[in-house]
Protein backbone atom coordinates (compact mmCIF):
# COMPACT_ATOMS: atom_id res chain seq x y z
CA MET A 1 -10.32 -64.79 38.60
CA SER A 2 -7.24 -62.80 39.50
CA GLY A 3 -5.77 -60.26 37.58
CA VAL A 4 -3.00 -60.83 35.16
CA ALA A 5 -1.50 -59.98 32.25
CA LEU A 6 -2.32 -62.44 29.36
CA HIS A 7 -0.43 -63.49 26.50
CA LYS A 8 -1.23 -62.52 23.27
CA SER A 9 -3.23 -65.16 21.77
CA VAL A 10 -4.43 -65.97 18.20
CA LEU A 11 -8.02 -66.41 17.16
CA LEU A 12 -8.75 -65.95 20.96
CA ASP A 13 -12.50 -64.98 20.69
CA GLU A 14 -13.17 -67.37 17.74
CA SER A 15 -11.55 -70.48 19.48
CA ILE A 16 -13.09 -69.45 22.86
CA SER A 17 -16.70 -69.20 21.50
CA GLY A 18 -16.18 -72.39 19.55
CA LEU A 19 -15.22 -74.21 22.65
CA ILE A 20 -17.61 -73.43 25.21
CA ARG A 21 -21.27 -74.59 24.62
CA GLN A 22 -21.75 -74.95 28.88
CA THR A 23 -20.56 -72.48 31.26
CA ASP A 24 -20.40 -75.38 34.30
CA GLY A 25 -18.56 -77.64 32.09
CA VAL A 26 -15.15 -79.34 32.39
CA TYR A 27 -12.50 -77.68 29.87
CA ILE A 28 -9.11 -78.67 28.86
CA ASP A 29 -6.22 -76.22 27.42
CA GLY A 30 -3.86 -78.88 26.30
CA THR A 31 -1.19 -75.74 25.48
CA PHE A 32 -1.03 -73.57 28.41
CA GLY A 33 1.91 -71.12 27.09
CA ARG A 34 1.61 -68.28 29.03
CA GLY A 35 -2.33 -68.70 29.71
CA GLY A 36 -4.03 -66.45 27.31
CA HIS A 37 -6.27 -68.81 26.50
CA SER A 38 -6.82 -70.49 29.57
CA GLY A 39 -7.27 -67.04 31.24
CA THR A 40 -10.16 -66.23 28.73
CA ILE A 41 -11.81 -69.46 29.57
CA LEU A 42 -11.94 -68.78 33.20
CA GLN A 43 -13.49 -65.43 32.57
CA ALA A 44 -16.30 -67.37 30.41
CA LEU A 45 -16.92 -70.08 32.89
CA SER A 46 -19.56 -70.03 35.94
CA GLU A 47 -18.32 -70.81 39.32
CA GLN A 48 -19.43 -74.62 38.77
CA GLY A 49 -16.94 -74.52 35.61
CA LYS A 50 -13.65 -76.36 35.71
CA LEU A 51 -10.50 -75.97 33.70
CA LEU A 52 -7.63 -78.28 33.29
CA ALA A 53 -4.40 -76.89 31.61
CA ILE A 54 -1.35 -78.82 30.24
CA ASP A 55 2.27 -77.71 29.22
CA LYS A 56 5.32 -79.74 28.55
CA ASP A 57 7.33 -76.80 29.18
CA LEU A 58 8.83 -76.22 32.99
CA ASP A 59 9.16 -72.47 32.12
CA ALA A 60 5.30 -72.11 30.87
CA VAL A 61 4.03 -74.13 34.23
CA SER A 62 6.33 -71.95 36.67
CA SER A 63 5.65 -68.65 34.91
CA PRO A 64 3.94 -65.60 36.71
CA GLN A 65 0.73 -66.26 34.54
CA ALA A 66 0.39 -69.71 35.81
CA LYS A 67 0.94 -68.94 39.03
CA ALA A 68 -1.80 -66.07 39.24
CA LEU A 69 -4.16 -68.50 37.51
CA SER A 70 -3.71 -71.03 40.06
CA LYS A 71 -5.32 -69.06 42.50
CA ASP A 72 -8.62 -69.81 41.09
CA ALA A 73 -10.06 -72.90 42.78
CA ARG A 74 -11.50 -73.80 39.21
CA PHE A 75 -7.98 -73.93 37.92
CA GLU A 76 -5.47 -76.85 37.49
CA LEU A 77 -2.26 -77.05 35.77
CA VAL A 78 -0.41 -80.21 35.00
CA HIS A 79 3.23 -80.46 33.84
CA SER A 80 2.90 -83.18 30.89
CA SER A 81 2.53 -83.42 27.15
CA PHE A 82 -0.96 -83.28 25.67
CA ALA A 83 0.01 -86.64 23.85
CA GLN A 84 -0.74 -87.98 27.63
CA MET A 85 -3.97 -86.44 28.00
CA ARG A 86 -6.06 -89.26 28.41
CA GLU A 87 -4.02 -90.78 31.27
CA VAL A 88 -4.22 -86.94 33.12
CA VAL A 89 -7.60 -87.15 32.54
CA GLU A 90 -8.56 -90.84 33.52
CA ASN A 91 -6.48 -90.29 36.89
CA ARG A 92 -8.78 -87.30 37.73
CA GLY A 93 -12.21 -89.43 36.87
CA LEU A 94 -13.10 -87.41 33.91
CA LEU A 95 -12.49 -89.54 31.30
CA GLY A 96 -16.13 -89.09 28.73
CA LYS A 97 -16.92 -86.05 31.14
CA VAL A 98 -15.22 -83.16 29.59
CA ASP A 99 -16.93 -80.86 27.63
CA GLY A 100 -14.29 -79.15 25.35
CA ILE A 101 -10.64 -79.46 24.30
CA LEU A 102 -8.51 -76.58 23.13
CA LEU A 103 -4.86 -77.01 20.95
CA ASP A 104 -3.06 -73.97 20.24
CA LEU A 105 0.08 -75.79 18.57
CA GLY A 106 3.74 -74.78 17.60
CA VAL A 107 6.08 -72.77 19.65
CA SER A 108 4.93 -70.10 21.76
CA SER A 109 6.20 -66.30 21.75
CA PRO A 110 8.15 -66.73 24.87
CA GLN A 111 9.87 -69.79 23.73
CA LEU A 112 11.02 -67.55 20.82
CA ASP A 113 12.62 -64.65 22.92
CA VAL A 114 14.44 -66.57 25.15
CA ALA A 115 18.01 -67.20 23.37
CA GLU A 116 18.92 -69.87 25.90
CA ARG A 117 15.67 -72.00 24.71
CA GLY A 118 17.39 -72.45 21.17
CA PHE A 119 14.02 -71.95 19.26
CA SER A 120 14.90 -68.91 17.40
CA PHE A 121 17.52 -68.11 14.49
CA MET A 122 17.34 -64.18 15.40
CA GLN A 123 19.11 -64.72 18.36
CA ASP A 124 22.15 -66.65 19.40
CA GLY A 125 21.95 -69.40 21.77
CA PRO A 126 22.73 -72.97 22.87
CA LEU A 127 21.00 -75.02 20.43
CA ASP A 128 18.45 -77.08 22.29
CA MET A 129 14.78 -76.41 20.67
CA ARG A 130 13.14 -78.98 23.34
CA MET A 131 9.95 -77.93 25.01
CA ASP A 132 10.44 -79.99 27.90
CA ALA A 133 13.86 -79.63 28.73
CA THR A 134 14.13 -82.48 31.15
CA ARG A 135 13.19 -84.79 28.31
CA GLY A 136 15.26 -86.44 25.41
CA GLU A 137 18.18 -85.02 23.26
CA SER A 138 18.56 -81.66 22.23
CA ALA A 139 18.93 -80.39 18.48
CA ALA A 140 22.64 -80.14 18.72
CA GLN A 141 22.99 -83.66 20.25
CA TRP A 142 20.88 -85.32 17.51
CA LEU A 143 22.53 -83.13 14.73
CA SER A 144 25.78 -84.62 15.64
CA ARG A 145 24.58 -88.19 15.18
CA VAL A 146 21.82 -88.18 12.90
CA ASP A 147 22.72 -89.76 9.43
CA GLU A 148 22.38 -88.25 6.35
CA ARG A 149 19.39 -90.00 4.81
CA GLU A 150 17.31 -88.97 8.24
CA LEU A 151 18.58 -85.38 8.19
CA LEU A 152 17.47 -84.94 4.50
CA MET A 153 14.04 -86.62 5.09
CA VAL A 154 13.33 -84.24 8.08
CA LEU A 155 14.34 -81.07 6.21
CA ARG A 156 12.29 -82.08 3.33
CA VAL A 157 9.18 -83.59 4.91
CA TYR A 158 8.89 -81.49 8.09
CA GLY A 159 10.35 -78.30 6.94
CA GLU A 160 9.14 -78.31 3.21
CA GLU A 161 12.52 -77.21 2.51
CA LYS A 162 13.69 -77.22 -1.46
CA PHE A 163 17.41 -76.34 -0.60
CA ALA A 164 17.09 -79.66 1.89
CA ARG A 165 19.78 -81.60 0.02
CA LYS A 166 22.70 -78.43 0.03
CA ILE A 167 21.69 -77.86 3.69
CA THR A 168 22.02 -81.39 4.60
CA ALA A 169 25.60 -82.06 2.85
CA GLU A 170 26.99 -79.08 4.49
CA ILE A 171 25.80 -79.86 7.63
CA ILE A 172 27.24 -83.42 7.24
CA LEU A 173 30.83 -81.42 6.04
CA GLN A 174 30.77 -79.10 8.98
CA ARG A 175 30.15 -81.11 11.95
CA ALA A 176 33.10 -83.53 10.83
CA GLU A 177 35.13 -80.56 11.84
CA LYS A 178 33.34 -78.99 14.45
CA ALA A 179 30.19 -79.77 16.29
CA ILE A 180 27.29 -77.62 15.71
CA GLN A 181 26.24 -76.03 18.98
CA THR A 182 24.43 -72.92 18.87
CA THR A 183 21.62 -71.40 16.98
CA GLY A 184 23.84 -68.90 15.43
CA GLU A 185 26.16 -71.39 13.99
CA LEU A 186 23.23 -73.22 12.05
CA ALA A 187 21.98 -69.85 11.16
CA ARG A 188 24.90 -68.99 9.58
CA LEU A 189 25.66 -72.32 7.93
CA ILE A 190 22.02 -72.20 6.42
CA GLU A 191 22.70 -68.70 5.27
CA GLY A 192 25.91 -69.55 3.48
CA VAL A 193 23.78 -72.24 1.39
CA VAL A 194 20.70 -70.77 0.56
CA LYS A 195 21.11 -67.99 -1.58
CA LYS A 196 17.67 -67.43 -2.90
CA ARG A 197 15.26 -65.97 -0.08
CA GLU A 198 11.82 -66.28 0.13
CA PRO A 199 10.19 -62.77 0.30
CA GLY A 200 9.67 -61.88 4.01
CA LYS A 201 11.16 -65.28 5.15
CA HIS A 202 14.60 -66.06 6.87
CA PRO A 203 16.75 -68.80 4.78
CA ALA A 204 16.97 -70.59 7.93
CA THR A 205 13.35 -70.76 8.84
CA ARG A 206 11.94 -73.96 7.40
CA THR A 207 14.92 -75.80 9.06
CA PHE A 208 14.71 -74.36 12.37
CA GLN A 209 10.97 -75.47 11.92
CA ALA A 210 11.74 -79.22 10.84
CA ILE A 211 14.47 -79.88 13.51
CA ARG A 212 12.02 -78.47 16.16
CA ILE A 213 9.19 -80.46 15.01
CA LYS A 214 11.53 -83.79 14.78
CA ILE A 215 13.00 -82.97 18.52
CA ASN A 216 9.46 -82.39 20.04
CA ASN A 217 7.69 -85.39 18.08
CA GLU A 218 4.94 -82.40 17.43
CA LEU A 219 3.36 -84.30 14.67
CA GLY A 220 3.42 -87.89 16.82
CA ASP A 221 1.99 -86.40 19.69
CA LEU A 222 -0.78 -84.55 17.37
CA GLU A 223 -2.14 -87.57 16.44
CA GLU A 224 -2.03 -89.64 19.82
CA LEU A 225 -3.89 -86.53 21.03
CA LEU A 226 -6.45 -86.64 18.50
CA ALA A 227 -6.95 -90.82 18.53
CA GLN A 228 -8.01 -90.05 22.55
CA SER A 229 -9.98 -87.02 21.93
CA GLY A 230 -12.89 -89.45 21.16
CA SER A 231 -12.71 -91.16 24.44
CA ILE A 232 -12.08 -87.80 26.52
CA LEU A 233 -15.05 -85.85 25.31
CA LYS A 234 -18.21 -86.34 26.42
CA GLN A 235 -21.52 -86.46 23.75
CA GLY A 236 -21.41 -82.51 22.45
CA GLY A 237 -17.97 -81.97 23.70
CA ARG A 238 -15.64 -79.69 21.32
CA LEU A 239 -12.32 -80.42 19.67
CA VAL A 240 -10.75 -76.89 18.71
CA VAL A 241 -7.49 -76.77 17.21
CA ILE A 242 -5.45 -73.74 15.81
CA SER A 243 -2.66 -74.88 13.69
CA PHE A 244 0.42 -72.89 12.50
CA HIS A 245 1.74 -74.85 9.40
CA SER A 246 0.33 -77.01 6.66
CA LEU A 247 1.66 -80.25 8.33
CA GLU A 248 0.06 -79.85 11.27
CA ASP A 249 -3.29 -78.60 9.46
CA ARG A 250 -3.30 -81.46 6.95
CA ILE A 251 -3.41 -83.85 10.09
CA VAL A 252 -6.20 -81.75 11.85
CA LYS A 253 -8.36 -81.49 8.79
CA ARG A 254 -7.84 -85.35 7.64
CA PHE A 255 -8.89 -86.58 11.37
CA MET A 256 -12.26 -84.21 11.56
CA ARG A 257 -12.91 -85.27 7.65
CA GLU A 258 -12.64 -88.87 8.64
CA GLN A 259 -14.51 -88.74 11.76
CA SER A 260 -17.51 -86.97 10.41
CA ARG A 261 -17.43 -88.76 7.38
CA GLY A 262 -17.21 -92.36 8.47
CA GLN A 263 -15.42 -95.22 6.00
CA ILE A 264 -15.57 -94.36 2.40
CA VAL A 265 -17.15 -97.52 0.60
CA PRO A 266 -15.90 -98.35 -3.09
CA ARG A 267 -18.83 -98.06 -5.51
CA HIS A 268 -17.87 -101.20 -7.37
CA MET A 269 -18.32 -103.44 -4.54
CA PRO A 270 -21.50 -105.64 -4.10
CA LEU A 271 -21.51 -105.87 -0.71
CA PRO A 272 -20.74 -102.66 1.03
CA LEU A 273 -18.46 -103.15 4.39
CA GLU A 274 -20.40 -101.78 7.37
CA PRO A 275 -19.49 -98.55 7.74
CA ASP A 276 -17.65 -96.96 10.34
CA ALA A 277 -19.36 -95.30 13.48
CA LEU A 278 -18.97 -91.29 13.24
CA LYS A 279 -17.56 -90.27 16.11
CA PHE A 280 -17.56 -86.41 15.53
CA LYS A 281 -19.45 -83.83 13.19
CA THR A 282 -17.47 -80.77 11.98
CA VAL A 283 -18.47 -77.20 13.38
CA GLY A 284 -18.20 -74.62 10.46
CA LYS A 285 -15.37 -74.09 7.82
CA ALA A 286 -11.74 -73.50 8.63
CA ILE A 287 -11.36 -69.96 10.43
CA LYS A 288 -8.27 -67.64 9.74
CA ALA A 289 -7.02 -64.44 11.14
CA SER A 290 -8.75 -61.34 10.39
CA LEU A 291 -6.44 -58.53 8.34
CA ASN A 292 -7.05 -56.74 12.00
CA GLU A 293 -5.45 -59.24 13.73
CA VAL A 294 -2.59 -60.29 11.45
CA ALA A 295 -1.69 -56.23 11.66
CA ASN A 296 -1.75 -56.52 15.11
CA ASN A 297 -0.11 -59.72 15.75
CA VAL A 298 1.75 -61.25 12.63
CA ARG A 299 2.31 -64.82 14.52
CA SER A 300 -1.78 -65.35 13.44
CA ARG A 301 -1.24 -64.97 9.61
CA SER A 302 -0.42 -68.47 9.12
CA ALA A 303 -3.17 -69.72 11.86
CA VAL A 304 -5.89 -71.88 10.97
CA LEU A 305 -8.58 -72.70 13.43
CA ARG A 306 -11.12 -75.85 13.05
CA ILE A 307 -13.73 -77.32 15.21
CA ALA A 308 -15.51 -80.43 15.59
CA GLU A 309 -18.13 -81.94 18.20
CA LYS A 310 -18.44 -85.48 19.36
CA LEU A 311 -21.61 -87.13 18.23
């Protein structure tokens, strides 16, 4: 593999050791980012192994890390959403032949670092937030048209924001006078509304998270990929997911639990229903970053790793 400065990935060793069972297998990195996991997977594979990586972010696909890794004949990178993974795999004749799928969810450090992407309230830039800037509407466009009820729901459900009603009212009021176009404008609006801060958190954190999840359909894409995973993986193949907030982790946890336990039949039923065929078994318990990793990479503090194996 070509030498390349790899992006600092969370729970790197734990995720790779949980993913790779056969060094000559076929693996998928569903969230390439800057190649931290992909580069480590390639290091662990034999010459017969293969890695297919996917990312919806054009900046990731065209990054120096992507170009360096693409020199490896075992590696292929596709510009797509992991929600379309089944189609990508089927087009390559790999359906049901994949040894492992890895997902590292959420926004990446490079996306936060570039003000023009509009993900960060710490830098002023266009209020965009699209992971795939070639598709869909920006956060600014969505905020200019969304009705009050939907905005309130998004902030409450996706951001778990207790000041959702106040923030919603202020957004509706301000946009009537002037469209909210930048991250700085939105962050300052929220700071003016949220007087009581959570320790260690900027008051705009939850609102930005909620809008980003909505704009990118993050939870819908995750549910779509989980539903496809059983048909993509071979028997014994691993599904490895790193999530960064409770909404994502709840979806992953529920999916793995239901797929490993089957249909729960109420005790009082005289004739039990035919139980669902079990598709996965969970592997170990949820893994969190060590104190040492958190000290070296603050992003890892909320990370949760879960692993399941196809039966």
